[in-house]
Amino acid sequence: MKTTLIIGGARSGKSTLAQEMALKAGGNVLFVATAEAGDEDMKKRIEMHRKSRPPDWVTLEATTHIGSRITKNTAKAQTVIIDCITLLINNIFMQYDENTDAGLAEKEVVAEIKELLNCIDRSDAHFIIVTNEVGLGVVPADRVSRLYRDLLGRANQMLAEHADEVFQLVAGIPLTVKKSGH
C-alpha cells in the first residue's frame, strides 16, 4: 500500500499528474470525484474531467463520507484517485453558515479525513489524493474564507503526515516534498 498526496494551486497540473501515475501503475482504477455541479461552469469542468479519464476506469461520485463509500467500492481497484480534497472540504463547509462555530466545522472535517485515512489503512490499493494549496496567499478578509482556508489546511496536514510521498505542483512541474520511506 502506498499513499501519494499531490498538492498545488489551481490549474497547476495536479489531476493530470494523478492520472499519469495511475496509468503508469496499470491495473484497475477507481476514480473518486468529489465535485458537485452547482453551476454551468462547474458542469463543464466536470464533463471535461470525465472525458479526460480512460473509459475503463470506474468513477465513484461522492461528495462526503468518502472513506465509507470508497470501502464499499475498492474490491477490484489497485489504484484509487481522489480528486479532490478541496471540493470535499467545501462540500462539508457549505453545510454551515457564517455563524457556525469553527470548532464544530473543524470536528466534522477531522472526522471526514480520519474516516478516509482508516479506509486507506484497510486497503491494499495505492491511493493518489489531489488537493489545493490555499494557504500561500493573502490572509482572506472575511471570517468565512479564513475558516475554509484553515479547515483545508488542517485536512492537508493530516493527509501529508499520513502519505508516503507528497508532491507539490508548480506550473505543471512536480516538486518532491516528501519521499517514500521518510
N, C-alpha and C. Protein backbone atom coordinates (compact mmCIF):
# COMPACT_ATOMS: atom_id res chain seq x y z
N MET A 1 0.84 -1.19 0.00
CA MET A 1 0.00 0.00 0.00
C MET A 1 0.89 1.25 0.00
N LYS A 2 0.49 2.21 -0.79
CA LYS A 2 1.23 3.46 -0.85
C LYS A 2 0.21 4.58 -1.01
N THR A 3 0.50 5.70 -0.37
CA THR A 3 -0.38 6.86 -0.49
C THR A 3 0.45 8.04 -1.00
N THR A 4 -0.05 8.66 -2.07
CA THR A 4 0.60 9.81 -2.67
C THR A 4 -0.34 11.00 -2.56
N LEU A 5 0.16 12.10 -2.04
CA LEU A 5 -0.60 13.34 -1.97
C LEU A 5 -0.01 14.30 -3.00
N ILE A 6 -0.89 14.86 -3.83
CA ILE A 6 -0.49 15.84 -4.83
C ILE A 6 -1.17 17.15 -4.47
N ILE A 7 -0.37 18.17 -4.17
CA ILE A 7 -0.90 19.46 -3.72
C ILE A 7 -0.36 20.56 -4.63
N GLY A 8 -1.16 21.58 -4.84
CA GLY A 8 -0.71 22.70 -5.66
C GLY A 8 -1.83 23.68 -5.88
N GLY A 9 -1.54 24.72 -6.60
CA GLY A 9 -2.53 25.75 -6.89
C GLY A 9 -3.49 25.32 -7.98
N ALA A 10 -4.46 26.17 -8.24
CA ALA A 10 -5.44 25.91 -9.30
C ALA A 10 -4.72 25.82 -10.64
N ARG A 11 -5.13 24.85 -11.44
CA ARG A 11 -4.61 24.67 -12.79
C ARG A 11 -3.10 24.43 -12.85
N SER A 12 -2.56 23.81 -11.79
CA SER A 12 -1.12 23.55 -11.76
C SER A 12 -0.76 22.19 -12.37
N GLY A 13 -1.76 21.37 -12.70
CA GLY A 13 -1.49 20.07 -13.30
C GLY A 13 -1.67 18.89 -12.36
N LYS A 14 -2.30 19.12 -11.22
CA LYS A 14 -2.46 18.07 -10.21
C LYS A 14 -3.22 16.86 -10.74
N SER A 15 -4.37 17.11 -11.35
CA SER A 15 -5.21 16.00 -11.85
C SER A 15 -4.50 15.23 -12.95
N THR A 16 -3.81 15.94 -13.82
CA THR A 16 -3.08 15.30 -14.91
C THR A 16 -2.00 14.38 -14.36
N LEU A 17 -1.24 14.85 -13.37
CA LEU A 17 -0.20 14.03 -12.76
C LEU A 17 -0.82 12.79 -12.10
N ALA A 18 -1.92 12.96 -11.38
CA ALA A 18 -2.59 11.83 -10.73
C ALA A 18 -2.98 10.77 -11.76
N GLN A 19 -3.55 11.21 -12.87
CA GLN A 19 -3.97 10.27 -13.91
C GLN A 19 -2.76 9.59 -14.55
N GLU A 20 -1.69 10.33 -14.78
CA GLU A 20 -0.48 9.73 -15.35
C GLU A 20 0.09 8.67 -14.41
N MET A 21 0.10 8.95 -13.11
CA MET A 21 0.61 7.98 -12.14
C MET A 21 -0.22 6.69 -12.17
N ALA A 22 -1.55 6.86 -12.23
CA ALA A 22 -2.44 5.69 -12.25
C ALA A 22 -2.25 4.88 -13.53
N LEU A 23 -2.11 5.55 -14.65
CA LEU A 23 -1.89 4.84 -15.92
C LEU A 23 -0.57 4.08 -15.90
N LYS A 24 0.46 4.71 -15.34
CA LYS A 24 1.78 4.08 -15.26
C LYS A 24 1.73 2.84 -14.36
N ALA A 25 0.95 2.91 -13.27
CA ALA A 25 0.85 1.78 -12.34
C ALA A 25 0.11 0.61 -12.97
N GLY A 26 -0.83 0.90 -13.88
CA GLY A 26 -1.62 -0.16 -14.51
C GLY A 26 -2.66 -0.71 -13.56
N GLY A 27 -3.44 -1.64 -14.02
CA GLY A 27 -4.48 -2.27 -13.20
C GLY A 27 -5.76 -1.46 -13.16
N ASN A 28 -6.67 -1.93 -12.35
CA ASN A 28 -7.99 -1.30 -12.22
C ASN A 28 -7.89 -0.02 -11.39
N VAL A 29 -8.60 1.01 -11.86
CA VAL A 29 -8.58 2.30 -11.19
C VAL A 29 -9.99 2.69 -10.77
N LEU A 30 -10.11 3.12 -9.53
CA LEU A 30 -11.34 3.73 -9.02
C LEU A 30 -11.07 5.22 -8.91
N PHE A 31 -11.84 6.02 -9.63
CA PHE A 31 -11.69 7.47 -9.61
C PHE A 31 -12.81 8.03 -8.74
N VAL A 32 -12.44 8.69 -7.64
CA VAL A 32 -13.42 9.26 -6.72
C VAL A 32 -13.52 10.75 -7.00
N ALA A 33 -14.67 11.17 -7.52
CA ALA A 33 -14.91 12.57 -7.87
C ALA A 33 -15.75 13.20 -6.76
N THR A 34 -15.26 14.31 -6.21
CA THR A 34 -15.96 14.96 -5.08
C THR A 34 -16.72 16.20 -5.48
N ALA A 35 -16.65 16.59 -6.74
CA ALA A 35 -17.28 17.84 -7.19
C ALA A 35 -18.79 17.72 -7.30
N GLU A 36 -19.46 18.81 -7.01
CA GLU A 36 -20.89 18.94 -7.25
C GLU A 36 -21.08 19.99 -8.32
N ALA A 37 -21.96 19.72 -9.27
CA ALA A 37 -22.20 20.65 -10.37
C ALA A 37 -23.19 21.72 -9.94
N GLY A 38 -22.70 22.73 -9.23
CA GLY A 38 -23.56 23.78 -8.70
C GLY A 38 -23.93 24.85 -9.71
N ASP A 39 -23.14 24.98 -10.78
CA ASP A 39 -23.44 25.98 -11.80
C ASP A 39 -22.95 25.47 -13.16
N GLU A 40 -23.21 26.23 -14.21
CA GLU A 40 -22.85 25.79 -15.57
C GLU A 40 -21.35 25.62 -15.75
N ASP A 41 -20.57 26.52 -15.18
CA ASP A 41 -19.11 26.41 -15.30
C ASP A 41 -18.63 25.11 -14.68
N MET A 42 -19.14 24.78 -13.49
CA MET A 42 -18.71 23.55 -12.83
C MET A 42 -19.19 22.32 -13.60
N LYS A 43 -20.37 22.38 -14.18
CA LYS A 43 -20.84 21.27 -15.01
C LYS A 43 -19.89 21.02 -16.18
N LYS A 44 -19.42 22.10 -16.81
CA LYS A 44 -18.48 21.98 -17.93
C LYS A 44 -17.15 21.40 -17.46
N ARG A 45 -16.69 21.85 -16.30
CA ARG A 45 -15.42 21.33 -15.77
C ARG A 45 -15.51 19.84 -15.46
N ILE A 46 -16.62 19.45 -14.86
CA ILE A 46 -16.83 18.03 -14.52
C ILE A 46 -16.85 17.20 -15.80
N GLU A 47 -17.55 17.67 -16.82
CA GLU A 47 -17.63 16.94 -18.09
C GLU A 47 -16.25 16.84 -18.74
N MET A 48 -15.46 17.91 -18.69
CA MET A 48 -14.11 17.90 -19.24
C MET A 48 -13.26 16.85 -18.51
N HIS A 49 -13.37 16.81 -17.18
CA HIS A 49 -12.62 15.81 -16.40
C HIS A 49 -13.06 14.39 -16.75
N ARG A 50 -14.37 14.19 -16.89
CA ARG A 50 -14.88 12.85 -17.26
C ARG A 50 -14.27 12.38 -18.58
N LYS A 51 -14.24 13.27 -19.55
CA LYS A 51 -13.73 12.92 -20.88
C LYS A 51 -12.22 12.65 -20.87
N SER A 52 -11.52 13.20 -19.89
CA SER A 52 -10.07 13.01 -19.83
C SER A 52 -9.67 11.65 -19.23
N ARG A 53 -10.64 10.97 -18.61
CA ARG A 53 -10.33 9.68 -17.97
C ARG A 53 -10.55 8.52 -18.94
N PRO A 54 -9.71 7.49 -18.83
CA PRO A 54 -9.93 6.30 -19.66
C PRO A 54 -11.31 5.69 -19.39
N PRO A 55 -11.95 5.17 -20.42
CA PRO A 55 -13.32 4.65 -20.25
C PRO A 55 -13.43 3.43 -19.35
N ASP A 56 -12.33 2.71 -19.14
CA ASP A 56 -12.40 1.51 -18.29
C ASP A 56 -12.23 1.82 -16.80
N TRP A 57 -11.95 3.06 -16.45
CA TRP A 57 -11.87 3.41 -15.05
C TRP A 57 -13.28 3.51 -14.46
N VAL A 58 -13.42 3.04 -13.24
CA VAL A 58 -14.69 3.14 -12.53
C VAL A 58 -14.71 4.49 -11.82
N THR A 59 -15.82 5.21 -11.96
CA THR A 59 -15.96 6.50 -11.29
C THR A 59 -16.98 6.39 -10.17
N LEU A 60 -16.59 6.90 -9.01
CA LEU A 60 -17.47 6.99 -7.85
C LEU A 60 -17.64 8.47 -7.54
N GLU A 61 -18.86 8.95 -7.63
CA GLU A 61 -19.13 10.34 -7.27
C GLU A 61 -19.59 10.35 -5.82
N ALA A 62 -18.76 10.98 -4.98
CA ALA A 62 -19.02 11.00 -3.54
C ALA A 62 -18.66 12.38 -3.01
N THR A 63 -19.64 13.07 -2.46
CA THR A 63 -19.41 14.45 -2.01
C THR A 63 -19.05 14.55 -0.53
N THR A 64 -19.37 13.55 0.26
CA THR A 64 -18.98 13.47 1.66
C THR A 64 -18.91 11.99 2.05
N HIS A 65 -18.38 11.73 3.21
CA HIS A 65 -18.24 10.36 3.74
C HIS A 65 -17.55 9.46 2.71
N ILE A 66 -16.48 9.97 2.13
CA ILE A 66 -15.85 9.23 1.05
C ILE A 66 -15.15 7.97 1.53
N GLY A 67 -14.65 7.96 2.76
CA GLY A 67 -13.98 6.77 3.28
C GLY A 67 -14.88 5.55 3.25
N SER A 68 -16.08 5.69 3.76
CA SER A 68 -17.01 4.56 3.78
C SER A 68 -17.49 4.22 2.38
N ARG A 69 -17.66 5.23 1.53
CA ARG A 69 -18.10 4.99 0.15
C ARG A 69 -17.00 4.27 -0.64
N ILE A 70 -15.76 4.66 -0.42
CA ILE A 70 -14.65 4.00 -1.12
C ILE A 70 -14.52 2.55 -0.66
N THR A 71 -14.63 2.33 0.64
CA THR A 71 -14.51 0.98 1.19
C THR A 71 -15.47 0.02 0.48
N LYS A 72 -16.67 0.48 0.17
CA LYS A 72 -17.67 -0.37 -0.49
C LYS A 72 -17.35 -0.60 -1.96
N ASN A 73 -16.42 0.17 -2.54
CA ASN A 73 -16.18 0.12 -3.98
C ASN A 73 -14.75 -0.20 -4.40
N THR A 74 -13.87 -0.57 -3.47
CA THR A 74 -12.46 -0.77 -3.82
C THR A 74 -12.07 -2.22 -4.07
N ALA A 75 -12.99 -3.14 -4.01
CA ALA A 75 -12.63 -4.55 -4.09
C ALA A 75 -11.71 -4.89 -5.26
N LYS A 76 -11.94 -4.31 -6.42
CA LYS A 76 -11.16 -4.65 -7.61
C LYS A 76 -10.11 -3.61 -7.97
N ALA A 77 -10.03 -2.53 -7.23
CA ALA A 77 -9.13 -1.43 -7.60
C ALA A 77 -7.73 -1.62 -7.05
N GLN A 78 -6.74 -1.46 -7.94
CA GLN A 78 -5.35 -1.44 -7.49
C GLN A 78 -4.93 0.00 -7.18
N THR A 79 -5.59 0.96 -7.81
CA THR A 79 -5.31 2.38 -7.60
C THR A 79 -6.62 3.12 -7.37
N VAL A 80 -6.60 4.03 -6.40
CA VAL A 80 -7.74 4.89 -6.12
C VAL A 80 -7.25 6.33 -6.23
N ILE A 81 -7.88 7.10 -7.12
CA ILE A 81 -7.60 8.53 -7.23
C ILE A 81 -8.75 9.27 -6.55
N ILE A 82 -8.42 10.20 -5.67
CA ILE A 82 -9.42 11.07 -5.06
C ILE A 82 -9.16 12.48 -5.58
N ASP A 83 -10.13 13.02 -6.31
CA ASP A 83 -9.96 14.33 -6.93
C ASP A 83 -11.23 15.13 -6.68
N CYS A 84 -11.29 15.99 -5.70
CA CYS A 84 -10.18 16.40 -4.88
C CYS A 84 -10.66 16.71 -3.46
N ILE A 85 -9.70 16.79 -2.55
CA ILE A 85 -9.98 17.09 -1.15
C ILE A 85 -10.52 18.51 -1.00
N THR A 86 -10.05 19.42 -1.83
CA THR A 86 -10.51 20.82 -1.77
C THR A 86 -12.02 20.90 -1.87
N LEU A 87 -12.58 20.19 -2.83
CA LEU A 87 -14.04 20.21 -3.00
C LEU A 87 -14.75 19.40 -1.93
N LEU A 88 -14.12 18.32 -1.45
CA LEU A 88 -14.69 17.56 -0.34
C LEU A 88 -14.88 18.45 0.88
N ILE A 89 -13.84 19.20 1.23
CA ILE A 89 -13.93 20.10 2.39
C ILE A 89 -14.96 21.20 2.12
N ASN A 90 -15.02 21.69 0.90
CA ASN A 90 -16.03 22.67 0.53
C ASN A 90 -17.44 22.11 0.71
N ASN A 91 -17.64 20.85 0.32
CA ASN A 91 -18.96 20.23 0.46
C ASN A 91 -19.39 20.17 1.92
N ILE A 92 -18.45 19.88 2.81
CA ILE A 92 -18.75 19.86 4.24
C ILE A 92 -19.00 21.29 4.73
N PHE A 93 -18.13 22.17 4.32
CA PHE A 93 -18.18 23.57 4.76
C PHE A 93 -19.50 24.24 4.37
N MET A 94 -20.01 23.93 3.20
CA MET A 94 -21.22 24.57 2.69
C MET A 94 -22.48 24.17 3.47
N GLN A 95 -22.36 23.20 4.34
CA GLN A 95 -23.49 22.80 5.18
C GLN A 95 -23.72 23.79 6.32
N TYR A 96 -22.77 24.69 6.51
CA TYR A 96 -22.82 25.64 7.60
C TYR A 96 -23.04 27.06 7.08
N ASP A 97 -23.34 27.99 7.99
CA ASP A 97 -23.44 29.39 7.60
C ASP A 97 -22.37 30.20 8.33
N GLU A 98 -22.35 31.52 8.12
CA GLU A 98 -21.27 32.34 8.69
C GLU A 98 -21.28 32.41 10.21
N ASN A 99 -22.36 31.97 10.83
CA ASN A 99 -22.44 31.98 12.30
C ASN A 99 -22.00 30.67 12.93
N THR A 100 -21.59 29.72 12.12
CA THR A 100 -21.19 28.41 12.62
C THR A 100 -19.96 28.50 13.51
N ASP A 101 -20.00 27.76 14.58
CA ASP A 101 -18.84 27.65 15.46
C ASP A 101 -17.71 26.94 14.71
N ALA A 102 -16.55 27.56 14.65
CA ALA A 102 -15.41 27.00 13.93
C ALA A 102 -15.05 25.61 14.45
N GLY A 103 -15.19 25.39 15.74
CA GLY A 103 -14.86 24.10 16.33
C GLY A 103 -15.74 22.98 15.80
N LEU A 104 -17.00 23.27 15.57
CA LEU A 104 -17.93 22.27 15.04
C LEU A 104 -17.54 21.88 13.61
N ALA A 105 -17.27 22.88 12.79
CA ALA A 105 -16.87 22.61 11.41
C ALA A 105 -15.55 21.84 11.37
N GLU A 106 -14.59 22.22 12.21
CA GLU A 106 -13.31 21.51 12.24
C GLU A 106 -13.50 20.07 12.70
N LYS A 107 -14.36 19.85 13.66
CA LYS A 107 -14.62 18.49 14.15
C LYS A 107 -15.14 17.60 13.02
N GLU A 108 -16.03 18.15 12.19
CA GLU A 108 -16.57 17.36 11.08
C GLU A 108 -15.51 17.10 10.01
N VAL A 109 -14.69 18.09 9.71
CA VAL A 109 -13.62 17.91 8.72
C VAL A 109 -12.62 16.86 9.22
N VAL A 110 -12.22 16.95 10.46
CA VAL A 110 -11.27 15.97 11.03
C VAL A 110 -11.87 14.57 10.98
N ALA A 111 -13.15 14.44 11.31
CA ALA A 111 -13.81 13.14 11.26
C ALA A 111 -13.82 12.58 9.84
N GLU A 112 -14.09 13.44 8.86
CA GLU A 112 -14.10 13.02 7.45
C GLU A 112 -12.74 12.51 7.03
N ILE A 113 -11.68 13.24 7.38
CA ILE A 113 -10.33 12.83 6.98
C ILE A 113 -9.90 11.57 7.73
N LYS A 114 -10.24 11.46 9.01
CA LYS A 114 -9.92 10.23 9.75
C LYS A 114 -10.62 9.03 9.13
N GLU A 115 -11.86 9.20 8.71
CA GLU A 115 -12.59 8.11 8.04
C GLU A 115 -11.87 7.70 6.77
N LEU A 116 -11.38 8.68 6.01
CA LEU A 116 -10.63 8.38 4.80
C LEU A 116 -9.32 7.67 5.12
N LEU A 117 -8.60 8.14 6.11
CA LEU A 117 -7.33 7.52 6.48
C LEU A 117 -7.53 6.08 6.96
N ASN A 118 -8.60 5.83 7.68
CA ASN A 118 -8.92 4.46 8.11
C ASN A 118 -9.20 3.57 6.89
N CYS A 119 -9.90 4.11 5.91
CA CYS A 119 -10.17 3.39 4.67
C CYS A 119 -8.85 3.05 3.97
N ILE A 120 -7.96 4.02 3.88
CA ILE A 120 -6.66 3.81 3.24
C ILE A 120 -5.88 2.71 3.96
N ASP A 121 -5.88 2.77 5.28
CA ASP A 121 -5.13 1.79 6.07
C ASP A 121 -5.65 0.36 5.90
N ARG A 122 -6.94 0.22 5.61
CA ARG A 122 -7.54 -1.11 5.45
C ARG A 122 -7.46 -1.63 4.01
N SER A 123 -6.98 -0.81 3.11
CA SER A 123 -6.98 -1.17 1.69
C SER A 123 -5.59 -1.56 1.22
N ASP A 124 -5.56 -2.40 0.20
CA ASP A 124 -4.29 -2.76 -0.45
C ASP A 124 -4.00 -1.88 -1.66
N ALA A 125 -4.94 -0.99 -2.00
CA ALA A 125 -4.80 -0.14 -3.18
C ALA A 125 -3.81 0.99 -2.93
N HIS A 126 -3.25 1.51 -4.04
CA HIS A 126 -2.43 2.71 -4.00
C HIS A 126 -3.39 3.89 -4.10
N PHE A 127 -3.34 4.80 -3.15
CA PHE A 127 -4.19 5.98 -3.15
C PHE A 127 -3.40 7.18 -3.66
N ILE A 128 -3.99 7.89 -4.61
CA ILE A 128 -3.43 9.14 -5.12
C ILE A 128 -4.46 10.22 -4.81
N ILE A 129 -4.07 11.16 -3.97
CA ILE A 129 -5.01 12.16 -3.46
C ILE A 129 -4.61 13.53 -3.97
N VAL A 130 -5.57 14.23 -4.57
CA VAL A 130 -5.35 15.56 -5.13
C VAL A 130 -5.99 16.60 -4.21
N THR A 131 -5.25 17.70 -3.96
CA THR A 131 -5.79 18.77 -3.13
C THR A 131 -5.14 20.10 -3.54
N ASN A 132 -5.78 21.18 -3.16
CA ASN A 132 -5.24 22.50 -3.45
C ASN A 132 -4.51 23.07 -2.24
N GLU A 133 -3.49 23.86 -2.53
CA GLU A 133 -2.82 24.65 -1.50
C GLU A 133 -3.44 26.03 -1.55
N VAL A 134 -4.13 26.41 -0.47
CA VAL A 134 -4.78 27.72 -0.46
C VAL A 134 -4.20 28.64 0.62
N GLY A 135 -3.17 28.20 1.30
CA GLY A 135 -2.62 28.96 2.40
C GLY A 135 -1.40 29.81 2.06
N LEU A 136 -1.03 29.90 0.80
CA LEU A 136 0.17 30.65 0.43
C LEU A 136 -0.10 32.11 0.08
N GLY A 137 -1.37 32.45 -0.06
CA GLY A 137 -1.71 33.80 -0.50
C GLY A 137 -1.99 34.74 0.66
N VAL A 138 -2.65 35.80 0.33
CA VAL A 138 -3.04 36.82 1.30
C VAL A 138 -4.06 36.23 2.27
N VAL A 139 -3.99 36.65 3.52
CA VAL A 139 -4.98 36.21 4.50
C VAL A 139 -6.34 36.76 4.07
N PRO A 140 -7.34 35.87 3.92
CA PRO A 140 -8.66 36.34 3.49
C PRO A 140 -9.23 37.40 4.43
N ALA A 141 -9.97 38.33 3.85
CA ALA A 141 -10.50 39.46 4.61
C ALA A 141 -11.69 39.09 5.49
N ASP A 142 -12.42 38.02 5.11
CA ASP A 142 -13.62 37.70 5.90
C ASP A 142 -13.46 36.39 6.66
N ARG A 143 -14.22 36.28 7.74
CA ARG A 143 -14.15 35.14 8.66
C ARG A 143 -14.44 33.82 7.95
N VAL A 144 -15.45 33.77 7.09
CA VAL A 144 -15.84 32.53 6.43
C VAL A 144 -14.71 32.01 5.54
N SER A 145 -14.10 32.90 4.76
CA SER A 145 -12.99 32.48 3.89
C SER A 145 -11.78 32.02 4.70
N ARG A 146 -11.50 32.70 5.81
CA ARG A 146 -10.38 32.28 6.67
C ARG A 146 -10.66 30.91 7.27
N LEU A 147 -11.90 30.67 7.68
CA LEU A 147 -12.25 29.38 8.27
C LEU A 147 -12.08 28.27 7.23
N TYR A 148 -12.56 28.49 6.01
CA TYR A 148 -12.39 27.48 4.96
C TYR A 148 -10.91 27.20 4.72
N ARG A 149 -10.11 28.25 4.58
CA ARG A 149 -8.66 28.08 4.36
C ARG A 149 -8.05 27.27 5.50
N ASP A 150 -8.44 27.57 6.73
CA ASP A 150 -7.90 26.86 7.89
C ASP A 150 -8.31 25.39 7.90
N LEU A 151 -9.57 25.12 7.56
CA LEU A 151 -10.06 23.73 7.54
C LEU A 151 -9.36 22.91 6.47
N LEU A 152 -9.19 23.50 5.28
CA LEU A 152 -8.49 22.78 4.22
C LEU A 152 -7.03 22.58 4.61
N GLY A 153 -6.42 23.58 5.23
CA GLY A 153 -5.04 23.43 5.70
C GLY A 153 -4.90 22.30 6.70
N ARG A 154 -5.85 22.19 7.61
CA ARG A 154 -5.84 21.10 8.62
C ARG A 154 -5.96 19.75 7.93
N ALA A 155 -6.89 19.63 6.98
CA ALA A 155 -7.06 18.37 6.24
C ALA A 155 -5.79 18.02 5.48
N ASN A 156 -5.19 19.00 4.81
CA ASN A 156 -3.97 18.75 4.04
C ASN A 156 -2.83 18.30 4.94
N GLN A 157 -2.71 18.88 6.13
CA GLN A 157 -1.67 18.46 7.06
C GLN A 157 -1.86 17.00 7.48
N MET A 158 -3.09 16.63 7.79
CA MET A 158 -3.37 15.25 8.19
C MET A 158 -3.02 14.27 7.07
N LEU A 159 -3.40 14.62 5.85
CA LEU A 159 -3.12 13.75 4.71
C LEU A 159 -1.63 13.67 4.41
N ALA A 160 -0.93 14.80 4.47
CA ALA A 160 0.51 14.81 4.20
C ALA A 160 1.28 14.00 5.24
N GLU A 161 0.87 14.10 6.48
CA GLU A 161 1.53 13.32 7.53
C GLU A 161 1.37 11.82 7.27
N HIS A 162 0.22 11.42 6.80
CA HIS A 162 -0.08 10.01 6.56
C HIS A 162 0.52 9.49 5.24
N ALA A 163 0.72 10.39 4.28
CA ALA A 163 1.16 9.98 2.94
C ALA A 163 2.59 9.45 2.95
N ASP A 164 2.83 8.52 2.05
CA ASP A 164 4.19 8.00 1.85
C ASP A 164 5.02 8.98 1.05
N GLU A 165 4.36 9.68 0.12
CA GLU A 165 5.05 10.68 -0.68
C GLU A 165 4.11 11.85 -0.95
N VAL A 166 4.72 13.04 -1.05
CA VAL A 166 3.96 14.26 -1.31
C VAL A 166 4.67 15.02 -2.42
N PHE A 167 3.88 15.44 -3.41
CA PHE A 167 4.39 16.27 -4.49
C PHE A 167 3.63 17.58 -4.50
N GLN A 168 4.36 18.68 -4.67
CA GLN A 168 3.73 19.98 -4.88
C GLN A 168 3.93 20.32 -6.35
N LEU A 169 2.83 20.69 -7.01
CA LEU A 169 2.92 21.07 -8.41
C LEU A 169 3.01 22.57 -8.55
N VAL A 170 3.98 23.00 -9.33
CA VAL A 170 4.16 24.41 -9.63
C VAL A 170 4.26 24.52 -11.15
N ALA A 171 3.28 25.17 -11.76
CA ALA A 171 3.26 25.36 -13.22
C ALA A 171 3.47 24.04 -13.97
N GLY A 172 2.85 22.98 -13.47
CA GLY A 172 2.92 21.69 -14.12
C GLY A 172 4.14 20.86 -13.78
N ILE A 173 5.02 21.40 -12.95
CA ILE A 173 6.25 20.69 -12.58
C ILE A 173 6.10 20.14 -11.16
N PRO A 174 6.21 18.80 -11.00
CA PRO A 174 6.11 18.22 -9.66
C PRO A 174 7.41 18.39 -8.88
N LEU A 175 7.29 18.94 -7.69
CA LEU A 175 8.43 19.06 -6.78
C LEU A 175 8.21 18.09 -5.64
N THR A 176 9.23 17.31 -5.30
CA THR A 176 9.11 16.34 -4.23
C THR A 176 9.19 17.05 -2.89
N VAL A 177 8.15 16.88 -2.08
CA VAL A 177 8.09 17.45 -0.74
C VAL A 177 8.44 16.38 0.28
N LYS A 178 7.97 15.16 0.03
CA LYS A 178 8.20 14.04 0.94
C LYS A 178 8.41 12.80 0.10
N LYS A 179 9.52 12.11 0.33
CA LYS A 179 9.83 10.89 -0.40
C LYS A 179 9.35 9.67 0.35
N SER A 180 9.02 8.64 -0.37
CA SER A 180 8.63 7.38 0.22
C SER A 180 9.74 6.89 1.13
N GLY A 181 9.37 6.47 2.33
CA GLY A 181 10.36 5.98 3.28
C GLY A 181 10.86 7.02 4.25
N HIS A 182 10.39 8.27 4.14
CA HIS A 182 10.85 9.33 5.03
C HIS A 182 9.75 9.82 5.92
